[in-house]
Amino acid sequence: MDKPLTKPSIREINERVILAAAESVFAERGFSGATMSMIAKRAGSPKANIHYYFPTKETLYRAVVARVLTAWLDAARSFDASDDPKEALTAYIGAKMDLAREMPLSSQIYASEMMRGAPVVQDYLETTLSAWVAERSGVVRRWIAQGKLKPIEPKYLFFMIWATTQHYANAAHEMATLEGGPLSDEAFERAKGQVAQTVLFGVAAGG
């Protein structure tokens, strides 16, 4: 029999509420313009409660950024599930685009942080992200050695995928304007397929 689902603890529930409030405030105000008082008001919680879970604004900001970065990195689990680069890359691109829809504010916060030179989360780039790129680049190089992909630089492939998929969050208003409204579920699925096909046409051996 399946194990019963574990209910989230009070701490987990409170942290989720705080992170959601912080995400919206940071997206609107940026790191410098946001205050813990604003976040507490948005969360409907006393400021002291915010400080109990996240002692400083920087701690809370880093938690928001870490949340989206972890989700993005986990999206590449398809690299472990399939040794077929077409399947793995299609699943990765699809997962990244789904996250652009599910976590648009976090994506915008991350983009703003990068545009400012990553003053708060540079260490993430030098450790967590660098390690991920090195590991996943090894998988891409193996596919190249096996003749499954063209001889490409893995980092450039990742940069292209990130830029394209995150655009669906960072430029959602632009897209909605050009489309005459937000993409429907059907249109979004077509977009995912076209992005994957375009990338694979450029990198797949024989493409």
C-alpha atoms as a PDB file:
ATOM      1  CA  MET A   1       0.000   0.000   0.000  1.00  0.00           C
ATOM      2  CA  ASP A   2       1.124   3.535  -0.662  1.00  0.00           C
ATOM      3  CA  LYS A   3       2.323   5.448   2.366  1.00  0.00           C
ATOM      4  CA  PRO A   4      -0.015   8.277   3.426  1.00  0.00           C
ATOM      5  CA  LEU A   5       1.128  11.718   2.407  1.00  0.00           C
ATOM      6  CA  THR A   6       2.846  13.616   5.195  1.00  0.00           C
ATOM      7  CA  LYS A   7       1.183  16.894   6.033  1.00  0.00           C
ATOM      8  CA  PRO A   8       3.476  19.915   5.929  1.00  0.00           C
ATOM      9  CA  SER A   9       4.545  21.198   9.310  1.00  0.00           C
ATOM     10  CA  ILE A  10       3.542  24.609  10.632  1.00  0.00           C
ATOM     11  CA  ARG A  11       7.085  25.782   9.953  1.00  0.00           C
ATOM     12  CA  GLU A  12       6.922  24.615   6.329  1.00  0.00           C
ATOM     13  CA  ILE A  13       3.580  26.325   5.821  1.00  0.00           C
ATOM     14  CA  ASN A  14       4.815  29.583   7.345  1.00  0.00           C
ATOM     15  CA  GLU A  15       8.002  29.524   5.292  1.00  0.00           C
ATOM     16  CA  ARG A  16       6.040  28.987   2.086  1.00  0.00           C
ATOM     17  CA  VAL A  17       3.802  31.970   2.857  1.00  0.00           C
ATOM     18  CA  ILE A  18       6.817  34.152   3.659  1.00  0.00           C
ATOM     19  CA  LEU A  19       8.722  33.060   0.548  1.00  0.00           C
ATOM     20  CA  ALA A  20       5.702  33.752  -1.671  1.00  0.00           C
ATOM     21  CA  ALA A  21       5.318  37.217  -0.167  1.00  0.00           C
ATOM     22  CA  ALA A  22       9.037  37.912  -0.447  1.00  0.00           C
ATOM     23  CA  GLU A  23       9.069  36.763  -4.055  1.00  0.00           C
ATOM     24  CA  SER A  24       6.351  39.243  -5.021  1.00  0.00           C
ATOM     25  CA  VAL A  25       7.942  42.141  -3.115  1.00  0.00           C
ATOM     26  CA  PHE A  26      11.461  41.489  -4.442  1.00  0.00           C
ATOM     27  CA  ALA A  27      10.071  41.225  -7.978  1.00  0.00           C
ATOM     28  CA  GLU A  28       8.335  44.600  -7.599  1.00  0.00           C
ATOM     29  CA  ARG A  29      10.957  46.495  -5.605  1.00  0.00           C
ATOM     30  CA  GLY A  30      14.257  44.717  -6.161  1.00  0.00           C
ATOM     31  CA  PHE A  31      16.597  43.773  -3.330  1.00  0.00           C
ATOM     32  CA  SER A  32      17.461  47.361  -2.376  1.00  0.00           C
ATOM     33  CA  GLY A  33      13.911  48.679  -2.496  1.00  0.00           C
ATOM     34  CA  ALA A  34      12.284  45.823  -0.575  1.00  0.00           C
ATOM     35  CA  THR A  35      12.010  45.889   3.205  1.00  0.00           C
ATOM     36  CA  MET A  36      11.164  43.227   5.739  1.00  0.00           C
ATOM     37  CA  SER A  37       8.181  45.372   6.785  1.00  0.00           C
ATOM     38  CA  MET A  38       6.796  45.262   3.245  1.00  0.00           C
ATOM     39  CA  ILE A  39       7.253  41.498   3.129  1.00  0.00           C
ATOM     40  CA  ALA A  40       5.611  41.043   6.528  1.00  0.00           C
ATOM     41  CA  LYS A  41       2.604  43.107   5.407  1.00  0.00           C
ATOM     42  CA  ARG A  42       2.321  41.106   2.167  1.00  0.00           C
ATOM     43  CA  ALA A  43       2.533  37.849   4.143  1.00  0.00           C
ATOM     44  CA  GLY A  44      -0.031  39.046   6.677  1.00  0.00           C
ATOM     45  CA  SER A  45       2.415  38.232   9.443  1.00  0.00           C
ATOM     46  CA  PRO A  46       4.145  40.242  12.196  1.00  0.00           C
ATOM     47  CA  LYS A  47       7.610  41.421  11.220  1.00  0.00           C
ATOM     48  CA  ALA A  48       9.044  39.494  14.185  1.00  0.00           C
ATOM     49  CA  ASN A  49       7.770  36.251  12.635  1.00  0.00           C
ATOM     50  CA  ILE A  50       9.589  37.003   9.388  1.00  0.00           C
ATOM     51  CA  HIS A  51      12.833  37.552  11.289  1.00  0.00           C
ATOM     52  CA  TYR A  52      12.266  34.322  13.238  1.00  0.00           C
ATOM     53  CA  TYR A  53      12.428  32.266  10.046  1.00  0.00           C
ATOM     54  CA  PHE A  54      14.747  34.519   8.057  1.00  0.00           C
ATOM     55  CA  PRO A  55      16.952  36.701  10.307  1.00  0.00           C
ATOM     56  CA  THR A  56      17.952  39.174   7.585  1.00  0.00           C
ATOM     57  CA  LYS A  57      16.655  40.463   4.282  1.00  0.00           C
ATOM     58  CA  GLU A  58      19.659  38.941   2.545  1.00  0.00           C
ATOM     59  CA  THR A  59      18.909  35.521   4.059  1.00  0.00           C
ATOM     60  CA  LEU A  60      15.348  35.727   2.756  1.00  0.00           C
ATOM     61  CA  TYR A  61      16.433  36.966  -0.664  1.00  0.00           C
ATOM     62  CA  ARG A  62      18.963  34.157  -0.997  1.00  0.00           C
ATOM     63  CA  ALA A  63      16.252  31.640  -0.079  1.00  0.00           C
ATOM     64  CA  VAL A  64      14.028  32.986  -2.864  1.00  0.00           C
ATOM     65  CA  VAL A  65      16.863  32.783  -5.406  1.00  0.00           C
ATOM     66  CA  ALA A  66      17.962  29.344  -4.177  1.00  0.00           C
ATOM     67  CA  ARG A  67      14.416  28.059  -4.603  1.00  0.00           C
ATOM     68  CA  VAL A  68      14.244  28.855  -8.301  1.00  0.00           C
ATOM     69  CA  LEU A  69      17.840  27.861  -8.993  1.00  0.00           C
ATOM     70  CA  THR A  70      17.270  24.470  -7.372  1.00  0.00           C
ATOM     71  CA  ALA A  71      14.132  23.958  -9.467  1.00  0.00           C
ATOM     72  CA  TRP A  72      16.019  24.849 -12.652  1.00  0.00           C
ATOM     73  CA  LEU A  73      18.884  22.488 -11.880  1.00  0.00           C
ATOM     74  CA  ASP A  74      16.500  19.664 -10.964  1.00  0.00           C
ATOM     75  CA  ALA A  75      14.827  20.105 -14.356  1.00  0.00           C
ATOM     76  CA  ALA A  76      17.828  18.340 -15.909  1.00  0.00           C
ATOM     77  CA  ARG A  77      17.036  15.040 -14.193  1.00  0.00           C
ATOM     78  CA  SER A  78      16.083  13.873 -17.677  1.00  0.00           C
ATOM     79  CA  PHE A  79      19.840  13.650 -18.352  1.00  0.00           C
ATOM     80  CA  ASP A  80      19.932  10.824 -15.816  1.00  0.00           C
ATOM     81  CA  ALA A  81      16.719   9.165 -16.991  1.00  0.00           C
ATOM     82  CA  SER A  82      17.680   8.803 -20.659  1.00  0.00           C
ATOM     83  CA  ASP A  83      20.923   8.406 -22.569  1.00  0.00           C
ATOM     84  CA  ASP A  84      19.163   9.592 -25.728  1.00  0.00           C
ATOM     85  CA  PRO A  85      20.031  13.300 -26.063  1.00  0.00           C
ATOM     86  CA  LYS A  86      16.881  13.986 -28.083  1.00  0.00           C
ATOM     87  CA  GLU A  87      14.691  12.648 -25.283  1.00  0.00           C
ATOM     88  CA  ALA A  88      16.760  14.211 -22.509  1.00  0.00           C
ATOM     89  CA  LEU A  89      17.028  17.660 -24.077  1.00  0.00           C
ATOM     90  CA  THR A  90      13.352  17.722 -25.098  1.00  0.00           C
ATOM     91  CA  ALA A  91      12.325  16.884 -21.529  1.00  0.00           C
ATOM     92  CA  TYR A  92      14.776  19.423 -20.085  1.00  0.00           C
ATOM     93  CA  ILE A  93      13.551  22.231 -22.339  1.00  0.00           C
ATOM     94  CA  GLY A  94       9.933  21.357 -21.576  1.00  0.00           C
ATOM     95  CA  ALA A  95      10.582  21.321 -17.834  1.00  0.00           C
ATOM     96  CA  LYS A  96      12.394  24.665 -17.981  1.00  0.00           C
ATOM     97  CA  MET A  97       9.538  26.256 -19.916  1.00  0.00           C
ATOM     98  CA  ASP A  98       7.008  24.856 -17.445  1.00  0.00           C
ATOM     99  CA  LEU A  99       8.999  26.470 -14.628  1.00  0.00           C
ATOM    100  CA  ALA A 100       8.930  29.780 -16.489  1.00  0.00           C
ATOM    101  CA  ARG A 101       5.151  29.565 -16.233  1.00  0.00           C
ATOM    102  CA  GLU A 102       5.066  28.298 -12.658  1.00  0.00           C
ATOM    103  CA  MET A 103       7.736  30.604 -11.177  1.00  0.00           C
ATOM    104  CA  PRO A 104       7.786  33.766 -13.308  1.00  0.00           C
ATOM    105  CA  LEU A 105       8.553  36.172 -10.467  1.00  0.00           C
ATOM    106  CA  SER A 106      11.506  34.129  -9.254  1.00  0.00           C
ATOM    107  CA  SER A 107      12.871  34.059 -12.790  1.00  0.00           C
ATOM    108  CA  GLN A 108      12.562  37.835 -13.032  1.00  0.00           C
ATOM    109  CA  ILE A 109      14.313  38.300  -9.682  1.00  0.00           C
ATOM    110  CA  TYR A 110      17.148  36.049 -10.826  1.00  0.00           C
ATOM    111  CA  ALA A 111      17.482  37.924 -14.121  1.00  0.00           C
ATOM    112  CA  SER A 112      17.632  41.252 -12.283  1.00  0.00           C
ATOM    113  CA  GLU A 113      20.279  39.884  -9.936  1.00  0.00           C
ATOM    114  CA  MET A 114      22.407  38.742 -12.882  1.00  0.00           C
ATOM    115  CA  MET A 115      22.041  42.110 -14.623  1.00  0.00           C
ATOM    116  CA  ARG A 116      23.399  43.779 -11.492  1.00  0.00           C
ATOM    117  CA  GLY A 117      26.430  41.481 -11.454  1.00  0.00           C
ATOM    118  CA  ALA A 118      25.059  39.025  -8.877  1.00  0.00           C
ATOM    119  CA  PRO A 119      26.015  41.133  -5.834  1.00  0.00           C
ATOM    120  CA  VAL A 120      24.137  38.892  -3.409  1.00  0.00           C
ATOM    121  CA  VAL A 121      24.390  35.393  -4.908  1.00  0.00           C
ATOM    122  CA  GLN A 122      27.769  35.339  -6.659  1.00  0.00           C
ATOM    123  CA  ASP A 123      28.807  32.422  -4.469  1.00  0.00           C
ATOM    124  CA  TYR A 124      25.942  30.336  -5.908  1.00  0.00           C
ATOM    125  CA  LEU A 125      27.317  30.897  -9.383  1.00  0.00           C
ATOM    126  CA  GLU A 126      30.851  29.968  -8.369  1.00  0.00           C
ATOM    127  CA  THR A 127      29.846  26.807  -6.510  1.00  0.00           C
ATOM    128  CA  THR A 128      26.400  25.268  -7.113  1.00  0.00           C
ATOM    129  CA  LEU A 129      25.870  26.425 -10.680  1.00  0.00           C
ATOM    130  CA  SER A 130      29.481  25.893 -11.763  1.00  0.00           C
ATOM    131  CA  ALA A 131      29.422  22.339 -10.425  1.00  0.00           C
ATOM    132  CA  TRP A 132      26.140  21.631 -12.225  1.00  0.00           C
ATOM    133  CA  VAL A 133      27.469  22.966 -15.541  1.00  0.00           C
ATOM    134  CA  ALA A 134      30.632  20.894 -15.231  1.00  0.00           C
ATOM    135  CA  GLU A 135      28.666  17.719 -14.475  1.00  0.00           C
ATOM    136  CA  ARG A 136      26.063  18.175 -17.206  1.00  0.00           C
ATOM    137  CA  SER A 137      28.717  19.262 -19.716  1.00  0.00           C
ATOM    138  CA  GLY A 138      30.328  15.889 -19.146  1.00  0.00           C
ATOM    139  CA  VAL A 139      27.097  14.191 -20.225  1.00  0.00           C
ATOM    140  CA  VAL A 140      26.889  16.325 -23.363  1.00  0.00           C
ATOM    141  CA  ARG A 141      30.523  15.556 -24.221  1.00  0.00           C
ATOM    142  CA  ARG A 142      29.791  11.843 -23.853  1.00  0.00           C
ATOM    143  CA  TRP A 143      26.925  12.162 -26.310  1.00  0.00           C
ATOM    144  CA  ILE A 144      29.263  13.968 -28.700  1.00  0.00           C
ATOM    145  CA  ALA A 145      31.867  11.221 -28.351  1.00  0.00           C
ATOM    146  CA  GLN A 146      29.154   8.648 -29.081  1.00  0.00           C
ATOM    147  CA  GLY A 147      28.231  10.465 -32.286  1.00  0.00           C
ATOM    148  CA  LYS A 148      24.799  11.470 -31.019  1.00  0.00           C
ATOM    149  CA  LEU A 149      25.418  15.225 -31.056  1.00  0.00           C
ATOM    150  CA  LYS A 150      27.438  17.545 -33.231  1.00  0.00           C
ATOM    151  CA  PRO A 151      30.772  18.762 -31.786  1.00  0.00           C
ATOM    152  CA  ILE A 152      29.457  21.716 -29.794  1.00  0.00           C
ATOM    153  CA  GLU A 153      30.516  23.569 -26.658  1.00  0.00           C
ATOM    154  CA  PRO A 154      28.131  22.368 -23.925  1.00  0.00           C
ATOM    155  CA  LYS A 155      28.106  25.680 -22.060  1.00  0.00           C
ATOM    156  CA  TYR A 156      26.889  27.532 -25.144  1.00  0.00           C
ATOM    157  CA  LEU A 157      24.089  25.002 -25.510  1.00  0.00           C
ATOM    158  CA  PHE A 158      23.013  25.615 -21.918  1.00  0.00           C
ATOM    159  CA  PHE A 159      23.222  29.391 -22.329  1.00  0.00           C
ATOM    160  CA  MET A 160      20.946  29.192 -25.368  1.00  0.00           C
ATOM    161  CA  ILE A 161      18.413  26.956 -23.616  1.00  0.00           C
ATOM    162  CA  TRP A 162      18.354  29.164 -20.521  1.00  0.00           C
ATOM    163  CA  ALA A 163      17.918  32.352 -22.548  1.00  0.00           C
ATOM    164  CA  THR A 164      15.061  30.905 -24.588  1.00  0.00           C
ATOM    165  CA  THR A 165      13.130  29.149 -21.826  1.00  0.00           C
ATOM    166  CA  GLN A 166      13.457  31.924 -19.244  1.00  0.00           C
ATOM    167  CA  HIS A 167      12.286  34.477 -21.811  1.00  0.00           C
ATOM    168  CA  TYR A 168       8.811  33.001 -21.357  1.00  0.00           C
ATOM    169  CA  ALA A 169       8.910  34.362 -17.792  1.00  0.00           C
ATOM    170  CA  ASN A 170      11.055  37.458 -18.115  1.00  0.00           C
ATOM    171  CA  ALA A 171       9.234  38.791 -21.186  1.00  0.00           C
ATOM    172  CA  ALA A 172       5.779  37.365 -20.503  1.00  0.00           C
ATOM    173  CA  HIS A 173       4.128  40.769 -20.945  1.00  0.00           C
ATOM    174  CA  GLU A 174       5.823  41.285 -24.308  1.00  0.00           C
ATOM    175  CA  MET A 175       4.674  37.872 -25.472  1.00  0.00           C
ATOM    176  CA  ALA A 176       1.125  38.447 -24.248  1.00  0.00           C
ATOM    177  CA  THR A 177       1.014  41.746 -26.143  1.00  0.00           C
ATOM    178  CA  LEU A 178       2.220  40.172 -29.378  1.00  0.00           C
ATOM    179  CA  GLU A 179      -0.090  37.180 -28.960  1.00  0.00           C
ATOM    180  CA  GLY A 180      -3.120  39.267 -28.068  1.00  0.00           C
ATOM    181  CA  GLY A 181      -3.185  37.713 -24.586  1.00  0.00           C
ATOM    182  CA  PRO A 182      -1.370  35.096 -22.512  1.00  0.00           C
ATOM    183  CA  LEU A 183      -0.509  31.869 -24.311  1.00  0.00           C
ATOM    184  CA  SER A 184      -3.190  29.234 -23.946  1.00  0.00           C
ATOM    185  CA  ASP A 185      -2.193  25.805 -22.687  1.00  0.00           C
ATOM    186  CA  GLU A 186      -2.397  24.484 -26.236  1.00  0.00           C
ATOM    187  CA  ALA A 187      -0.262  27.313 -27.642  1.00  0.00           C
ATOM    188  CA  PHE A 188       2.260  26.884 -24.850  1.00  0.00           C
ATOM    189  CA  GLU A 189       2.622  23.175 -25.631  1.00  0.00           C
ATOM    190  CA  ARG A 190       3.207  24.033 -29.284  1.00  0.00           C
ATOM    191  CA  ALA A 191       5.846  26.547 -28.250  1.00  0.00           C
ATOM    192  CA  LYS A 192       7.612  23.939 -26.119  1.00  0.00           C
ATOM    193  CA  GLY A 193       7.670  21.544 -29.053  1.00  0.00           C
ATOM    194  CA  GLN A 194       8.979  24.144 -31.470  1.00  0.00           C
ATOM    195  CA  VAL A 195      11.749  25.308 -29.130  1.00  0.00           C
ATOM    196  CA  ALA A 196      12.884  21.714 -28.586  1.00  0.00           C
ATOM    197  CA  GLN A 197      12.770  20.926 -32.308  1.00  0.00           C
ATOM    198  CA  THR A 198      14.744  24.047 -33.157  1.00  0.00           C
ATOM    199  CA  VAL A 199      17.465  23.289 -30.619  1.00  0.00           C
ATOM    200  CA  LEU A 200      17.713  19.653 -31.662  1.00  0.00           C
ATOM    201  CA  PHE A 201      17.868  20.558 -35.352  1.00  0.00           C
ATOM    202  CA  GLY A 202      20.979  22.573 -34.575  1.00  0.00           C
ATOM    203  CA  VAL A 203      22.782  20.137 -32.289  1.00  0.00           C
ATOM    204  CA  ALA A 204      21.652  16.583 -33.087  1.00  0.00           C
ATOM    205  CA  ALA A 205      24.040  14.578 -35.234  1.00  0.00           C
ATOM    206  CA  GLY A 206      22.669  14.327 -38.744  1.00  0.00           C
ATOM    207  CA  GLY A 207      20.288  17.250 -38.044  1.00  0.00           C
END
